[in-house]
Amino acid sequence: MNLRNAGSLVNVILTEKFPKKIEINTGATECLYTDRRAGTIVEVLKNKIVFQYDNSVRTDNNGISEVQEYKYFVNTNNEKKIFRLTKNSWKSKGGSYLSIGYRNEYYDYSF
């Protein structure tokens, strides 16, 4: 992964882990520059994964804060995104990375 384009250190660390087995309906997190979006894997191909955004509802009362908690709901009508397997990670055509095995929504208010 090119660290200059990867965004926050947290997002770099999250995308460095590769699960042994990837299955449909597994939670996943798209890592953008500093934000993260939760979703679900809806299709697994040889070197591609189809990721679909979940509906995320914030459940904490922390306002503009780094401490954020969310509840996630699968929505089969939401937008889908394709991630391809590269040498070091799963990457979208737009340059975001995918972390597989959990959902973790995060909005960085500093930008």
N, C-alpha and C. Protein backbone atom coordinates (compact mmCIF):
# COMPACT_ATOMS: atom_id res chain seq x y z
N MET A 1 0.85 -1.18 0.00
CA MET A 1 0.00 0.00 0.00
C MET A 1 0.89 1.24 0.00
N ASN A 2 0.53 2.21 -0.78
CA ASN A 2 1.26 3.47 -0.82
C ASN A 2 0.78 4.33 0.35
N LEU A 3 1.62 4.48 1.37
CA LEU A 3 1.21 5.18 2.58
C LEU A 3 0.90 6.65 2.35
N ARG A 4 1.46 7.26 1.31
CA ARG A 4 1.18 8.67 1.05
C ARG A 4 -0.27 8.89 0.67
N ASN A 5 -0.92 7.87 0.10
CA ASN A 5 -2.30 8.02 -0.36
C ASN A 5 -3.30 7.28 0.52
N ALA A 6 -2.84 6.67 1.58
CA ALA A 6 -3.70 5.79 2.37
C ALA A 6 -4.57 6.51 3.39
N GLY A 7 -4.25 7.73 3.75
CA GLY A 7 -5.06 8.44 4.73
C GLY A 7 -4.53 8.26 6.13
N SER A 8 -5.44 8.14 7.07
CA SER A 8 -5.05 8.08 8.48
C SER A 8 -4.32 6.79 8.80
N LEU A 9 -3.50 6.83 9.82
CA LEU A 9 -2.77 5.65 10.28
C LEU A 9 -3.72 4.54 10.68
N VAL A 10 -4.83 4.89 11.32
CA VAL A 10 -5.82 3.89 11.72
C VAL A 10 -6.32 3.14 10.49
N ASN A 11 -6.65 3.86 9.42
CA ASN A 11 -7.15 3.21 8.21
C ASN A 11 -6.08 2.33 7.58
N VAL A 12 -4.83 2.72 7.63
CA VAL A 12 -3.74 1.89 7.10
C VAL A 12 -3.66 0.59 7.87
N ILE A 13 -3.71 0.67 9.18
CA ILE A 13 -3.62 -0.52 10.02
C ILE A 13 -4.82 -1.45 9.76
N LEU A 14 -6.01 -0.89 9.62
CA LEU A 14 -7.21 -1.70 9.41
C LEU A 14 -7.16 -2.48 8.10
N THR A 15 -6.56 -1.92 7.07
CA THR A 15 -6.56 -2.57 5.76
C THR A 15 -5.38 -3.51 5.56
N GLU A 16 -4.49 -3.61 6.52
CA GLU A 16 -3.34 -4.50 6.40
C GLU A 16 -3.67 -5.94 6.78
N LYS A 17 -4.82 -6.19 7.37
CA LYS A 17 -5.18 -7.54 7.81
C LYS A 17 -5.97 -8.25 6.71
N PHE A 18 -5.59 -9.48 6.40
CA PHE A 18 -6.30 -10.27 5.41
C PHE A 18 -6.98 -11.46 6.08
N PRO A 19 -8.30 -11.57 5.97
CA PRO A 19 -8.97 -12.74 6.53
C PRO A 19 -8.64 -13.97 5.69
N LYS A 20 -8.64 -15.14 6.33
CA LYS A 20 -8.33 -16.38 5.62
C LYS A 20 -9.44 -16.75 4.65
N LYS A 21 -10.69 -16.55 5.06
CA LYS A 21 -11.82 -16.91 4.21
C LYS A 21 -12.79 -15.75 4.15
N ILE A 22 -13.19 -15.40 2.94
CA ILE A 22 -14.12 -14.29 2.74
C ILE A 22 -15.45 -14.87 2.28
N GLU A 23 -16.53 -14.52 2.99
CA GLU A 23 -17.84 -15.08 2.68
C GLU A 23 -18.86 -13.97 2.45
N ILE A 24 -19.90 -14.32 1.72
CA ILE A 24 -21.03 -13.41 1.51
C ILE A 24 -21.68 -13.14 2.87
N ASN A 25 -22.18 -11.93 3.06
CA ASN A 25 -22.82 -11.44 4.29
C ASN A 25 -21.84 -11.12 5.41
N THR A 26 -20.55 -11.11 5.11
CA THR A 26 -19.56 -10.70 6.10
C THR A 26 -19.52 -9.18 6.17
N GLY A 27 -19.43 -8.65 7.36
CA GLY A 27 -19.30 -7.21 7.53
C GLY A 27 -17.95 -6.74 7.02
N ALA A 28 -17.91 -5.50 6.53
CA ALA A 28 -16.67 -4.93 6.01
C ALA A 28 -16.71 -3.42 6.18
N THR A 29 -15.54 -2.81 6.08
CA THR A 29 -15.42 -1.36 6.25
C THR A 29 -14.61 -0.77 5.12
N GLU A 30 -15.18 0.20 4.42
CA GLU A 30 -14.45 0.93 3.40
C GLU A 30 -13.66 2.03 4.09
N CYS A 31 -12.36 2.04 3.89
CA CYS A 31 -11.49 3.05 4.49
C CYS A 31 -11.18 4.11 3.45
N LEU A 32 -11.70 5.29 3.69
CA LEU A 32 -11.46 6.43 2.82
C LEU A 32 -10.24 7.16 3.36
N TYR A 33 -10.06 8.43 3.07
CA TYR A 33 -8.85 9.10 3.54
C TYR A 33 -8.78 9.09 5.07
N THR A 34 -9.77 9.64 5.75
CA THR A 34 -9.82 9.53 7.21
C THR A 34 -11.17 9.00 7.68
N ASP A 35 -12.17 8.98 6.83
CA ASP A 35 -13.48 8.46 7.18
C ASP A 35 -13.54 6.96 6.91
N ARG A 36 -14.56 6.31 7.49
CA ARG A 36 -14.81 4.90 7.24
C ARG A 36 -16.31 4.70 7.03
N ARG A 37 -16.68 3.79 6.11
CA ARG A 37 -18.08 3.48 5.84
C ARG A 37 -18.32 2.00 5.99
N ALA A 38 -19.36 1.64 6.73
CA ALA A 38 -19.68 0.24 7.00
C ALA A 38 -20.52 -0.35 5.87
N GLY A 39 -20.33 -1.65 5.68
CA GLY A 39 -21.11 -2.34 4.66
C GLY A 39 -21.01 -3.85 4.80
N THR A 40 -21.50 -4.52 3.78
CA THR A 40 -21.58 -5.97 3.77
C THR A 40 -21.05 -6.50 2.44
N ILE A 41 -20.35 -7.62 2.49
CA ILE A 41 -19.90 -8.26 1.26
C ILE A 41 -21.08 -9.04 0.69
N VAL A 42 -21.44 -8.73 -0.57
CA VAL A 42 -22.62 -9.36 -1.17
C VAL A 42 -22.26 -10.33 -2.30
N GLU A 43 -21.01 -10.29 -2.76
CA GLU A 43 -20.58 -11.22 -3.80
C GLU A 43 -19.07 -11.40 -3.70
N VAL A 44 -18.61 -12.64 -3.89
CA VAL A 44 -17.18 -12.94 -3.84
C VAL A 44 -16.81 -13.64 -5.14
N LEU A 45 -15.89 -13.04 -5.88
CA LEU A 45 -15.38 -13.61 -7.11
C LEU A 45 -13.90 -13.93 -6.92
N LYS A 46 -13.23 -14.41 -7.94
CA LYS A 46 -11.84 -14.84 -7.79
C LYS A 46 -10.94 -13.75 -7.20
N ASN A 47 -10.86 -12.61 -7.82
CA ASN A 47 -10.01 -11.52 -7.35
C ASN A 47 -10.80 -10.24 -7.12
N LYS A 48 -12.13 -10.38 -6.93
CA LYS A 48 -12.98 -9.21 -6.72
C LYS A 48 -13.98 -9.49 -5.61
N ILE A 49 -14.35 -8.40 -4.93
CA ILE A 49 -15.39 -8.45 -3.91
C ILE A 49 -16.39 -7.35 -4.24
N VAL A 50 -17.68 -7.67 -4.14
CA VAL A 50 -18.72 -6.66 -4.28
C VAL A 50 -19.18 -6.31 -2.86
N PHE A 51 -19.03 -5.03 -2.54
CA PHE A 51 -19.32 -4.46 -1.21
C PHE A 51 -20.55 -3.59 -1.35
N GLN A 52 -21.49 -3.69 -0.41
CA GLN A 52 -22.69 -2.85 -0.43
C GLN A 52 -22.78 -2.09 0.89
N TYR A 53 -23.01 -0.78 0.78
CA TYR A 53 -23.10 0.06 1.97
C TYR A 53 -24.28 -0.34 2.85
N ASP A 54 -24.07 -0.32 4.16
CA ASP A 54 -25.14 -0.52 5.13
C ASP A 54 -25.74 0.83 5.49
N ASN A 55 -26.91 0.81 6.10
CA ASN A 55 -27.44 2.01 6.74
C ASN A 55 -26.82 2.06 8.13
N SER A 56 -26.25 3.19 8.48
CA SER A 56 -25.60 3.36 9.78
C SER A 56 -26.29 4.47 10.55
N VAL A 57 -26.66 4.18 11.78
CA VAL A 57 -27.33 5.16 12.63
C VAL A 57 -26.46 5.40 13.85
N ARG A 58 -26.12 6.65 14.07
CA ARG A 58 -25.28 6.98 15.22
C ARG A 58 -26.09 6.84 16.51
N THR A 59 -25.51 6.16 17.52
CA THR A 59 -26.24 5.86 18.75
C THR A 59 -25.70 6.57 19.98
N ASP A 60 -24.56 7.24 19.86
CA ASP A 60 -24.01 7.94 21.03
C ASP A 60 -24.55 9.37 21.08
N ASN A 61 -24.22 10.07 22.14
CA ASN A 61 -24.61 11.47 22.29
C ASN A 61 -23.38 12.36 22.42
N ASN A 62 -22.33 12.02 21.69
CA ASN A 62 -21.06 12.73 21.83
C ASN A 62 -20.90 13.93 20.90
N GLY A 63 -21.86 14.20 20.05
CA GLY A 63 -21.78 15.35 19.17
C GLY A 63 -20.57 15.26 18.24
N ILE A 64 -19.94 16.41 17.98
CA ILE A 64 -18.75 16.44 17.13
C ILE A 64 -17.59 15.91 17.95
N SER A 65 -17.31 14.63 17.76
CA SER A 65 -16.35 13.94 18.60
C SER A 65 -15.69 12.82 17.83
N GLU A 66 -14.51 12.41 18.27
CA GLU A 66 -13.85 11.23 17.69
C GLU A 66 -14.44 9.95 18.24
N VAL A 67 -15.13 10.02 19.37
CA VAL A 67 -15.74 8.84 19.98
C VAL A 67 -17.15 8.70 19.40
N GLN A 68 -17.32 7.71 18.51
CA GLN A 68 -18.58 7.54 17.81
C GLN A 68 -19.01 6.07 17.88
N GLU A 69 -20.30 5.87 18.12
CA GLU A 69 -20.88 4.53 18.14
C GLU A 69 -22.05 4.48 17.16
N TYR A 70 -22.15 3.37 16.45
CA TYR A 70 -23.18 3.23 15.43
C TYR A 70 -23.88 1.89 15.55
N LYS A 71 -25.09 1.85 15.03
CA LYS A 71 -25.83 0.60 14.85
C LYS A 71 -25.97 0.43 13.33
N TYR A 72 -25.83 -0.80 12.85
CA TYR A 72 -25.78 -1.05 11.40
C TYR A 72 -26.97 -1.89 10.96
N PHE A 73 -27.50 -1.54 9.77
CA PHE A 73 -28.62 -2.25 9.18
C PHE A 73 -28.29 -2.54 7.72
N VAL A 74 -28.36 -3.81 7.35
CA VAL A 74 -28.12 -4.19 5.96
C VAL A 74 -29.27 -3.65 5.12
N ASN A 75 -28.94 -3.06 3.98
CA ASN A 75 -29.95 -2.53 3.06
C ASN A 75 -29.60 -2.99 1.66
N THR A 76 -30.35 -3.93 1.13
CA THR A 76 -30.04 -4.50 -0.19
C THR A 76 -30.29 -3.53 -1.34
N ASN A 77 -30.82 -2.35 -1.06
CA ASN A 77 -31.04 -1.35 -2.11
C ASN A 77 -29.94 -0.30 -2.17
N ASN A 78 -28.98 -0.35 -1.24
CA ASN A 78 -27.92 0.65 -1.22
C ASN A 78 -26.90 0.44 -2.34
N GLU A 79 -26.10 1.47 -2.56
CA GLU A 79 -25.06 1.45 -3.58
C GLU A 79 -24.05 0.33 -3.33
N LYS A 80 -23.53 -0.22 -4.43
CA LYS A 80 -22.51 -1.27 -4.35
C LYS A 80 -21.20 -0.72 -4.92
N LYS A 81 -20.10 -1.33 -4.48
CA LYS A 81 -18.77 -0.92 -4.94
C LYS A 81 -17.92 -2.17 -5.10
N ILE A 82 -17.11 -2.22 -6.14
CA ILE A 82 -16.24 -3.36 -6.40
C ILE A 82 -14.83 -3.07 -5.90
N PHE A 83 -14.27 -4.04 -5.19
CA PHE A 83 -12.89 -3.97 -4.72
C PHE A 83 -12.11 -5.11 -5.37
N ARG A 84 -10.91 -4.79 -5.85
CA ARG A 84 -10.05 -5.78 -6.48
C ARG A 84 -8.87 -6.09 -5.56
N LEU A 85 -8.44 -7.34 -5.60
CA LEU A 85 -7.29 -7.75 -4.81
C LEU A 85 -6.01 -7.24 -5.47
N THR A 86 -5.24 -6.45 -4.72
CA THR A 86 -3.94 -5.99 -5.19
C THR A 86 -2.87 -6.77 -4.42
N LYS A 87 -1.65 -6.39 -4.60
CA LYS A 87 -0.55 -7.09 -3.93
C LYS A 87 -0.69 -7.06 -2.41
N ASN A 88 -1.14 -5.93 -1.86
CA ASN A 88 -1.18 -5.76 -0.42
C ASN A 88 -2.55 -5.58 0.20
N SER A 89 -3.60 -5.40 -0.61
CA SER A 89 -4.90 -5.08 -0.03
C SER A 89 -6.02 -5.20 -1.06
N TRP A 90 -7.25 -4.98 -0.58
CA TRP A 90 -8.41 -4.87 -1.45
C TRP A 90 -8.63 -3.39 -1.73
N LYS A 91 -8.66 -3.01 -3.02
CA LYS A 91 -8.71 -1.60 -3.39
C LYS A 91 -9.78 -1.37 -4.45
N SER A 92 -10.50 -0.23 -4.32
CA SER A 92 -11.53 0.14 -5.31
C SER A 92 -10.89 0.94 -6.42
N LYS A 93 -11.61 1.08 -7.51
CA LYS A 93 -11.15 1.90 -8.64
C LYS A 93 -10.94 3.34 -8.20
N GLY A 94 -11.74 3.81 -7.25
CA GLY A 94 -11.63 5.18 -6.76
C GLY A 94 -10.50 5.40 -5.76
N GLY A 95 -9.84 4.32 -5.32
CA GLY A 95 -8.69 4.46 -4.44
C GLY A 95 -8.94 4.18 -2.98
N SER A 96 -10.16 3.79 -2.61
CA SER A 96 -10.40 3.44 -1.21
C SER A 96 -10.00 1.99 -0.97
N TYR A 97 -9.84 1.63 0.29
CA TYR A 97 -9.41 0.29 0.68
C TYR A 97 -10.50 -0.38 1.50
N LEU A 98 -10.48 -1.71 1.56
CA LEU A 98 -11.50 -2.45 2.27
C LEU A 98 -10.88 -3.27 3.39
N SER A 99 -11.48 -3.17 4.56
CA SER A 99 -11.10 -3.98 5.71
C SER A 99 -12.25 -4.96 5.95
N ILE A 100 -11.96 -6.23 6.04
CA ILE A 100 -12.98 -7.27 6.06
C ILE A 100 -13.08 -7.91 7.44
N GLY A 101 -14.31 -8.15 7.87
CA GLY A 101 -14.53 -8.88 9.11
C GLY A 101 -15.28 -8.11 10.17
N TYR A 102 -15.52 -6.85 9.94
CA TYR A 102 -16.27 -6.04 10.91
C TYR A 102 -16.75 -4.76 10.24
N ARG A 103 -17.73 -4.14 10.86
CA ARG A 103 -18.26 -2.86 10.37
C ARG A 103 -17.79 -1.76 11.32
N ASN A 104 -17.34 -0.65 10.75
CA ASN A 104 -16.87 0.44 11.59
C ASN A 104 -17.05 1.77 10.87
N GLU A 105 -18.18 2.40 11.12
CA GLU A 105 -18.47 3.72 10.53
C GLU A 105 -17.72 4.77 11.34
N TYR A 106 -17.18 5.77 10.67
CA TYR A 106 -16.49 6.86 11.38
C TYR A 106 -16.49 8.08 10.48
N TYR A 107 -16.85 9.22 11.05
CA TYR A 107 -16.81 10.49 10.32
C TYR A 107 -15.82 11.40 11.00
N ASP A 108 -14.83 11.87 10.24
CA ASP A 108 -13.80 12.75 10.75
C ASP A 108 -14.27 14.20 10.62
N TYR A 109 -14.62 14.81 11.74
CA TYR A 109 -15.15 16.18 11.73
C TYR A 109 -14.08 17.24 11.51
N SER A 110 -12.82 16.87 11.51
CA SER A 110 -11.76 17.87 11.37
C SER A 110 -11.57 18.34 9.93
N PHE A 111 -12.24 17.73 8.98
CA PHE A 111 -12.13 18.17 7.58
C PHE A 111 -13.37 18.86 7.12
